[in-house]
Structure formats: structure tokens, C-alpha cells
Amino acid sequence: MRHPLSKITGEYKNFIGIVPIMKKIISFSGMMIGSYLGWWLGEKVGFMTAFMVSTIGAGVGLYLAQRWAKKFME
């Protein structure tokens, strides 16, 4: 019996197909971490400041995560 994930991995022959999925997961994680840090910093001032700094943090987190993923996943 074959492993259920063998269609995705192709028995390691198609490992390159997982790289785009991992890049998306890394990008999303970077956005979440940046957004959380921005909210944590901005909430000391007020709600709208937390929202704005969180948005900026999400953008910075996305940029850094994509840069990291490009460097180490290709």
C-alpha cells in the first residue's frame, strides 16, 4: 500500500512541487509574526495606532519572509 502523500511528493521524485507551498506557508507566517509584533507595539498608544502599525508590520514580515524563502528554498 502506498503512502497517502505519495501523490504530492511523487516518492521524492517531484519534491520540487512542495517548494511553492512551503514558500506560501513561510510568507504567511512572516505576515502573522510581523502583524502581531506591530499590534503589540501599537496598542500601547491606541487602537487605530495598533491597526496601522500592525498593517505595516505585516508588510515588513511578508517582505522579510519572502526574501528568506527565496534565499534558502532555491
PDB file of N, CA and C in Angstrom:
ATOM      1  N   MET A   1       0.841  -1.182   0.000  1.00  0.00           N
ATOM      2  CA  MET A   1       0.000   0.000   0.000  1.00  0.00           C
ATOM      3  C   MET A   1       0.884   1.242   0.000  1.00  0.00           C
ATOM      4  N   ARG A   2       0.501   2.182  -0.823  1.00  0.00           N
ATOM      5  CA  ARG A   2       1.291   3.403  -0.947  1.00  0.00           C
ATOM      6  C   ARG A   2       0.919   4.394   0.146  1.00  0.00           C
ATOM      7  N   HIS A   3       1.874   5.235   0.466  1.00  0.00           N
ATOM      8  CA  HIS A   3       1.639   6.285   1.457  1.00  0.00           C
ATOM      9  C   HIS A   3       0.665   7.309   0.882  1.00  0.00           C
ATOM     10  N   PRO A   4      -0.260   7.854   1.710  1.00  0.00           N
ATOM     11  CA  PRO A   4      -1.248   8.805   1.175  1.00  0.00           C
ATOM     12  C   PRO A   4      -0.644  10.076   0.574  1.00  0.00           C
ATOM     13  N   LEU A   5       0.537  10.445   1.020  1.00  0.00           N
ATOM     14  CA  LEU A   5       1.155  11.664   0.499  1.00  0.00           C
ATOM     15  C   LEU A   5       2.022  11.399  -0.733  1.00  0.00           C
ATOM     16  N   SER A   6       2.046  10.148  -1.202  1.00  0.00           N
ATOM     17  CA  SER A   6       2.908   9.852  -2.340  1.00  0.00           C
ATOM     18  C   SER A   6       2.470  10.585  -3.600  1.00  0.00           C
ATOM     19  N   LYS A   7       1.183  10.947  -3.701  1.00  0.00           N
ATOM     20  CA  LYS A   7       0.735  11.727  -4.855  1.00  0.00           C
ATOM     21  C   LYS A   7       1.346  13.120  -4.824  1.00  0.00           C
ATOM     22  N   ILE A   8       1.483  13.675  -3.629  1.00  0.00           N
ATOM     23  CA  ILE A   8       2.044  15.023  -3.501  1.00  0.00           C
ATOM     24  C   ILE A   8       3.558  14.980  -3.715  1.00  0.00           C
ATOM     25  N   THR A   9       4.217  14.069  -3.023  1.00  0.00           N
ATOM     26  CA  THR A   9       5.672  14.036  -3.089  1.00  0.00           C
ATOM     27  C   THR A   9       6.181  13.272  -4.296  1.00  0.00           C
ATOM     28  N   GLY A  10       5.357  12.383  -4.864  1.00  0.00           N
ATOM     29  CA  GLY A  10       5.813  11.594  -6.001  1.00  0.00           C
ATOM     30  C   GLY A  10       6.978  10.710  -5.631  1.00  0.00           C
ATOM     31  N   GLU A  11       6.926  10.164  -4.417  1.00  0.00           N
ATOM     32  CA  GLU A  11       8.012   9.309  -3.929  1.00  0.00           C
ATOM     33  C   GLU A  11       9.349  10.047  -4.021  1.00  0.00           C
ATOM     34  N   TYR A  12       9.356  11.302  -3.681  1.00  0.00           N
ATOM     35  CA  TYR A  12      10.518  12.196  -3.696  1.00  0.00           C
ATOM     36  C   TYR A  12      11.005  12.546  -5.099  1.00  0.00           C
ATOM     37  N   LYS A  13      10.336  12.070  -6.123  1.00  0.00           N
ATOM     38  CA  LYS A  13      10.738  12.430  -7.479  1.00  0.00           C
ATOM     39  C   LYS A  13      10.256  13.828  -7.828  1.00  0.00           C
ATOM     40  N   ASN A  14       9.158  14.235  -7.240  1.00  0.00           N
ATOM     41  CA  ASN A  14       8.578  15.537  -7.530  1.00  0.00           C
ATOM     42  C   ASN A  14       8.664  16.431  -6.295  1.00  0.00           C
ATOM     43  N   PHE A  15       9.782  16.381  -5.593  1.00  0.00           N
ATOM     44  CA  PHE A  15       9.942  17.167  -4.374  1.00  0.00           C
ATOM     45  C   PHE A  15       9.864  18.659  -4.662  1.00  0.00           C
ATOM     46  N   ILE A  16      10.240  19.064  -5.861  1.00  0.00           N
ATOM     47  CA  ILE A  16      10.245  20.477  -6.215  1.00  0.00           C
ATOM     48  C   ILE A  16       8.839  21.057  -6.174  1.00  0.00           C
ATOM     49  N   GLY A  17       7.799  20.233  -6.279  1.00  0.00           N
ATOM     50  CA  GLY A  17       6.423  20.711  -6.230  1.00  0.00           C
ATOM     51  C   GLY A  17       6.003  21.193  -4.855  1.00  0.00           C
ATOM     52  N   ILE A  18       6.747  20.822  -3.825  1.00  0.00           N
ATOM     53  CA  ILE A  18       6.419  21.241  -2.472  1.00  0.00           C
ATOM     54  C   ILE A  18       6.984  22.633  -2.174  1.00  0.00           C
ATOM     55  N   VAL A  19       7.990  23.036  -2.891  1.00  0.00           N
ATOM     56  CA  VAL A  19       8.658  24.317  -2.628  1.00  0.00           C
ATOM     57  C   VAL A  19       7.691  25.502  -2.713  1.00  0.00           C
ATOM     58  N   PRO A  20       6.837  25.631  -3.729  1.00  0.00           N
ATOM     59  CA  PRO A  20       5.910  26.772  -3.742  1.00  0.00           C
ATOM     60  C   PRO A  20       4.942  26.773  -2.561  1.00  0.00           C
ATOM     61  N   ILE A  21       4.530  25.596  -2.137  1.00  0.00           N
ATOM     62  CA  ILE A  21       3.643  25.511  -0.974  1.00  0.00           C
ATOM     63  C   ILE A  21       4.378  25.982   0.273  1.00  0.00           C
ATOM     64  N   MET A  22       5.623  25.560   0.434  1.00  0.00           N
ATOM     65  CA  MET A  22       6.407  25.980   1.595  1.00  0.00           C
ATOM     66  C   MET A  22       6.667  27.485   1.581  1.00  0.00           C
ATOM     67  N   LYS A  23       6.884  28.049   0.399  1.00  0.00           N
ATOM     68  CA  LYS A  23       7.090  29.497   0.306  1.00  0.00           C
ATOM     69  C   LYS A  23       5.847  30.248   0.762  1.00  0.00           C
ATOM     70  N   LYS A  24       4.668  29.738   0.410  1.00  0.00           N
ATOM     71  CA  LYS A  24       3.430  30.390   0.843  1.00  0.00           C
ATOM     72  C   LYS A  24       3.250  30.287   2.350  1.00  0.00           C
ATOM     73  N   ILE A  25       3.579  29.140   2.921  1.00  0.00           N
ATOM     74  CA  ILE A  25       3.467  28.961   4.373  1.00  0.00           C
ATOM     75  C   ILE A  25       4.439  29.883   5.093  1.00  0.00           C
ATOM     76  N   ILE A  26       5.661  29.981   4.588  1.00  0.00           N
ATOM     77  CA  ILE A  26       6.669  30.860   5.196  1.00  0.00           C
ATOM     78  C   ILE A  26       6.232  32.318   5.089  1.00  0.00           C
ATOM     79  N   SER A  27       5.686  32.711   3.933  1.00  0.00           N
ATOM     80  CA  SER A  27       5.225  34.090   3.752  1.00  0.00           C
ATOM     81  C   SER A  27       4.082  34.414   4.708  1.00  0.00           C
ATOM     82  N   PHE A  28       3.137  33.493   4.812  1.00  0.00           N
ATOM     83  CA  PHE A  28       2.005  33.714   5.714  1.00  0.00           C
ATOM     84  C   PHE A  28       2.472  33.804   7.166  1.00  0.00           C
ATOM     85  N   SER A  29       3.414  32.962   7.550  1.00  0.00           N
ATOM     86  CA  SER A  29       3.943  33.004   8.917  1.00  0.00           C
ATOM     87  C   SER A  29       4.667  34.315   9.180  1.00  0.00           C
ATOM     88  N   GLY A  30       5.428  34.780   8.211  1.00  0.00           N
ATOM     89  CA  GLY A  30       6.107  36.065   8.373  1.00  0.00           C
ATOM     90  C   GLY A  30       5.129  37.212   8.532  1.00  0.00           C
ATOM     91  N   MET A  31       4.030  37.171   7.763  1.00  0.00           N
ATOM     92  CA  MET A  31       2.999  38.207   7.898  1.00  0.00           C
ATOM     93  C   MET A  31       2.363  38.168   9.281  1.00  0.00           C
ATOM     94  N   MET A  32       2.082  36.964   9.772  1.00  0.00           N
ATOM     95  CA  MET A  32       1.453  36.845  11.091  1.00  0.00           C
ATOM     96  C   MET A  32       2.366  37.366  12.195  1.00  0.00           C
ATOM     97  N   ILE A  33       3.637  36.998  12.128  1.00  0.00           N
ATOM     98  CA  ILE A  33       4.582  37.435  13.160  1.00  0.00           C
ATOM     99  C   ILE A  33       4.772  38.944  13.102  1.00  0.00           C
ATOM    100  N   GLY A  34       4.933  39.494  11.901  1.00  0.00           N
ATOM    101  CA  GLY A  34       5.093  40.944  11.761  1.00  0.00           C
ATOM    102  C   GLY A  34       3.858  41.699  12.213  1.00  0.00           C
ATOM    103  N   SER A  35       2.692  41.171  11.889  1.00  0.00           N
ATOM    104  CA  SER A  35       1.443  41.811  12.288  1.00  0.00           C
ATOM    105  C   SER A  35       1.272  41.784  13.801  1.00  0.00           C
ATOM    106  N   TYR A  36       1.595  40.642  14.393  1.00  0.00           N
ATOM    107  CA  TYR A  36       1.482  40.537  15.852  1.00  0.00           C
ATOM    108  C   TYR A  36       2.421  41.507  16.556  1.00  0.00           C
ATOM    109  N   LEU A  37       3.661  41.567  16.083  1.00  0.00           N
ATOM    110  CA  LEU A  37       4.615  42.491  16.707  1.00  0.00           C
ATOM    111  C   LEU A  37       4.174  43.945  16.534  1.00  0.00           C
ATOM    112  N   GLY A  38       3.640  44.262  15.357  1.00  0.00           N
ATOM    113  CA  GLY A  38       3.139  45.615  15.136  1.00  0.00           C
ATOM    114  C   GLY A  38       1.971  45.950  16.045  1.00  0.00           C
ATOM    115  N   TRP A  39       1.064  45.003  16.227  1.00  0.00           N
ATOM    116  CA  TRP A  39      -0.076  45.238  17.108  1.00  0.00           C
ATOM    117  C   TRP A  39       0.398  45.414  18.547  1.00  0.00           C
ATOM    118  N   TRP A  40       1.344  44.578  18.950  1.00  0.00           N
ATOM    119  CA  TRP A  40       1.859  44.647  20.323  1.00  0.00           C
ATOM    120  C   TRP A  40       2.518  46.003  20.588  1.00  0.00           C
ATOM    121  N   LEU A  41       3.255  46.511  19.617  1.00  0.00           N
ATOM    122  CA  LEU A  41       3.887  47.816  19.784  1.00  0.00           C
ATOM    123  C   LEU A  41       2.871  48.953  19.726  1.00  0.00           C
ATOM    124  N   GLY A  42       1.915  48.863  18.808  1.00  0.00           N
ATOM    125  CA  GLY A  42       0.979  49.957  18.613  1.00  0.00           C
ATOM    126  C   GLY A  42      -0.117  50.059  19.648  1.00  0.00           C
ATOM    127  N   GLU A  43      -0.450  48.956  20.318  1.00  0.00           N
ATOM    128  CA  GLU A  43      -1.548  49.003  21.273  1.00  0.00           C
ATOM    129  C   GLU A  43      -1.214  49.825  22.518  1.00  0.00           C
ATOM    130  N   LYS A  44       0.040  50.110  22.721  1.00  0.00           N
ATOM    131  CA  LYS A  44       0.434  50.954  23.851  1.00  0.00           C
ATOM    132  C   LYS A  44      -0.040  52.392  23.656  1.00  0.00           C
ATOM    133  N   VAL A  45      -0.279  52.770  22.386  1.00  0.00           N
ATOM    134  CA  VAL A  45      -0.736  54.121  22.075  1.00  0.00           C
ATOM    135  C   VAL A  45      -2.253  54.165  21.930  1.00  0.00           C
ATOM    136  N   GLY A  46      -2.809  53.243  21.166  1.00  0.00           N
ATOM    137  CA  GLY A  46      -4.252  53.231  20.957  1.00  0.00           C
ATOM    138  C   GLY A  46      -4.646  52.204  19.914  1.00  0.00           C
ATOM    139  N   PHE A  47      -5.963  52.051  19.740  1.00  0.00           N
ATOM    140  CA  PHE A  47      -6.478  51.029  18.841  1.00  0.00           C
ATOM    141  C   PHE A  47      -6.101  51.298  17.386  1.00  0.00           C
ATOM    142  N   MET A  48      -6.324  52.497  16.898  1.00  0.00           N
ATOM    143  CA  MET A  48      -6.026  52.805  15.495  1.00  0.00           C
ATOM    144  C   MET A  48      -4.521  52.767  15.220  1.00  0.00           C
ATOM    145  N   THR A  49      -3.741  53.175  16.183  1.00  0.00           N
ATOM    146  CA  THR A  49      -2.288  53.081  16.021  1.00  0.00           C
ATOM    147  C   THR A  49      -1.876  51.620  15.933  1.00  0.00           C
ATOM    148  N   ALA A  50      -2.492  50.776  16.768  1.00  0.00           N
ATOM    149  CA  ALA A  50      -2.199  49.347  16.715  1.00  0.00           C
ATOM    150  C   ALA A  50      -2.554  48.777  15.346  1.00  0.00           C
ATOM    151  N   PHE A  51      -3.687  49.194  14.794  1.00  0.00           N
ATOM    152  CA  PHE A  51      -4.103  48.715  13.483  1.00  0.00           C
ATOM    153  C   PHE A  51      -3.109  49.120  12.398  1.00  0.00           C
ATOM    154  N   MET A  52      -2.717  50.385  12.403  1.00  0.00           N
ATOM    155  CA  MET A  52      -1.800  50.888  11.374  1.00  0.00           C
ATOM    156  C   MET A  52      -0.414  50.244  11.489  1.00  0.00           C
ATOM    157  N   VAL A  53       0.110  50.166  12.706  1.00  0.00           N
ATOM    158  CA  VAL A  53       1.436  49.579  12.886  1.00  0.00           C
ATOM    159  C   VAL A  53       1.393  48.082  12.574  1.00  0.00           C
ATOM    160  N   SER A  54       0.269  47.441  12.873  1.00  0.00           N
ATOM    161  CA  SER A  54       0.100  46.030  12.544  1.00  0.00           C
ATOM    162  C   SER A  54       0.121  45.810  11.032  1.00  0.00           C
ATOM    163  N   THR A  55      -0.517  46.694  10.285  1.00  0.00           N
ATOM    164  CA  THR A  55      -0.523  46.597   8.831  1.00  0.00           C
ATOM    165  C   THR A  55       0.887  46.762   8.263  1.00  0.00           C
ATOM    166  N   ILE A  56       1.608  47.732   8.782  1.00  0.00           N
ATOM    167  CA  ILE A  56       2.991  47.942   8.349  1.00  0.00           C
ATOM    168  C   ILE A  56       3.850  46.736   8.725  1.00  0.00           C
ATOM    169  N   GLY A  57       3.632  46.210   9.938  1.00  0.00           N
ATOM    170  CA  GLY A  57       4.375  45.027  10.382  1.00  0.00           C
ATOM    171  C   GLY A  57       4.108  43.815   9.510  1.00  0.00           C
ATOM    172  N   ALA A  58       2.866  43.664   9.048  1.00  0.00           N
ATOM    173  CA  ALA A  58       2.534  42.547   8.160  1.00  0.00           C
ATOM    174  C   ALA A  58       3.288  42.677   6.844  1.00  0.00           C
ATOM    175  N   GLY A  59       3.369  43.885   6.315  1.00  0.00           N
ATOM    176  CA  GLY A  59       4.110  44.097   5.073  1.00  0.00           C
ATOM    177  C   GLY A  59       5.595  43.825   5.228  1.00  0.00           C
ATOM    178  N   VAL A  60       6.156  44.290   6.328  1.00  0.00           N
ATOM    179  CA  VAL A  60       7.585  44.054   6.584  1.00  0.00           C
ATOM    180  C   VAL A  60       7.837  42.560   6.794  1.00  0.00           C
ATOM    181  N   GLY A  61       6.950  41.907   7.543  1.00  0.00           N
ATOM    182  CA  GLY A  61       7.092  40.470   7.768  1.00  0.00           C
ATOM    183  C   GLY A  61       6.998  39.679   6.483  1.00  0.00           C
ATOM    184  N   LEU A  62       6.081  40.072   5.593  1.00  0.00           N
ATOM    185  CA  LEU A  62       5.942  39.403   4.300  1.00  0.00           C
ATOM    186  C   LEU A  62       7.207  39.575   3.468  1.00  0.00           C
ATOM    187  N   TYR A  63       7.732  40.799   3.422  1.00  0.00           N
ATOM    188  CA  TYR A  63       8.942  41.069   2.648  1.00  0.00           C
ATOM    189  C   TYR A  63      10.126  40.244   3.156  1.00  0.00           C
ATOM    190  N   LEU A  64      10.323  40.240   4.466  1.00  0.00           N
ATOM    191  CA  LEU A  64      11.458  39.510   5.033  1.00  0.00           C
ATOM    192  C   LEU A  64      11.302  38.003   4.855  1.00  0.00           C
ATOM    193  N   ALA A  65      10.085  37.504   5.017  1.00  0.00           N
ATOM    194  CA  ALA A  65       9.851  36.064   4.858  1.00  0.00           C
ATOM    195  C   ALA A  65      10.074  35.632   3.411  1.00  0.00           C
ATOM    196  N   GLN A  66       9.612  36.429   2.454  1.00  0.00           N
ATOM    197  CA  GLN A  66       9.819  36.067   1.048  1.00  0.00           C
ATOM    198  C   GLN A  66      11.289  36.141   0.672  1.00  0.00           C
ATOM    199  N   ARG A  67      11.981  37.119   1.213  1.00  0.00           N
ATOM    200  CA  ARG A  67      13.414  37.224   0.941  1.00  0.00           C
ATOM    201  C   ARG A  67      14.163  36.018   1.513  1.00  0.00           C
ATOM    202  N   TRP A  68      13.779  35.612   2.735  1.00  0.00           N
ATOM    203  CA  TRP A  68      14.406  34.458   3.356  1.00  0.00           C
ATOM    204  C   TRP A  68      14.096  33.186   2.571  1.00  0.00           C
ATOM    205  N   ALA A  69      12.838  33.021   2.178  1.00  0.00           N
ATOM    206  CA  ALA A  69      12.429  31.827   1.431  1.00  0.00           C
ATOM    207  C   ALA A  69      13.147  31.752   0.088  1.00  0.00           C
ATOM    208  N   LYS A  70      13.301  32.883  -0.580  1.00  0.00           N
ATOM    209  CA  LYS A  70      13.999  32.884  -1.870  1.00  0.00           C
ATOM    210  C   LYS A  70      15.464  32.493  -1.701  1.00  0.00           C
ATOM    211  N   LYS A  71      16.064  32.961  -0.622  1.00  0.00           N
ATOM    212  CA  LYS A  71      17.476  32.681  -0.392  1.00  0.00           C
ATOM    213  C   LYS A  71      17.713  31.205  -0.061  1.00  0.00           C
ATOM    214  N   PHE A  72      16.841  30.612   0.751  1.00  0.00           N
ATOM    215  CA  PHE A  72      17.099  29.267   1.234  1.00  0.00           C
ATOM    216  C   PHE A  72      16.313  28.162   0.524  1.00  0.00           C
ATOM    217  N   MET A  73      15.296  28.514  -0.253  1.00  0.00           N
ATOM    218  CA  MET A  73      14.480  27.484  -0.896  1.00  0.00           C
ATOM    219  C   MET A  73      14.828  27.300  -2.371  1.00  0.00           C
ATOM    220  N   GLU A  74      15.656  28.130  -2.934  1.00  0.00           N
ATOM    221  CA  GLU A  74      16.007  27.972  -4.346  1.00  0.00           C
ATOM    222  C   GLU A  74      17.439  27.567  -4.502  1.00  0.00           C
TER     223      GLU A  74
END
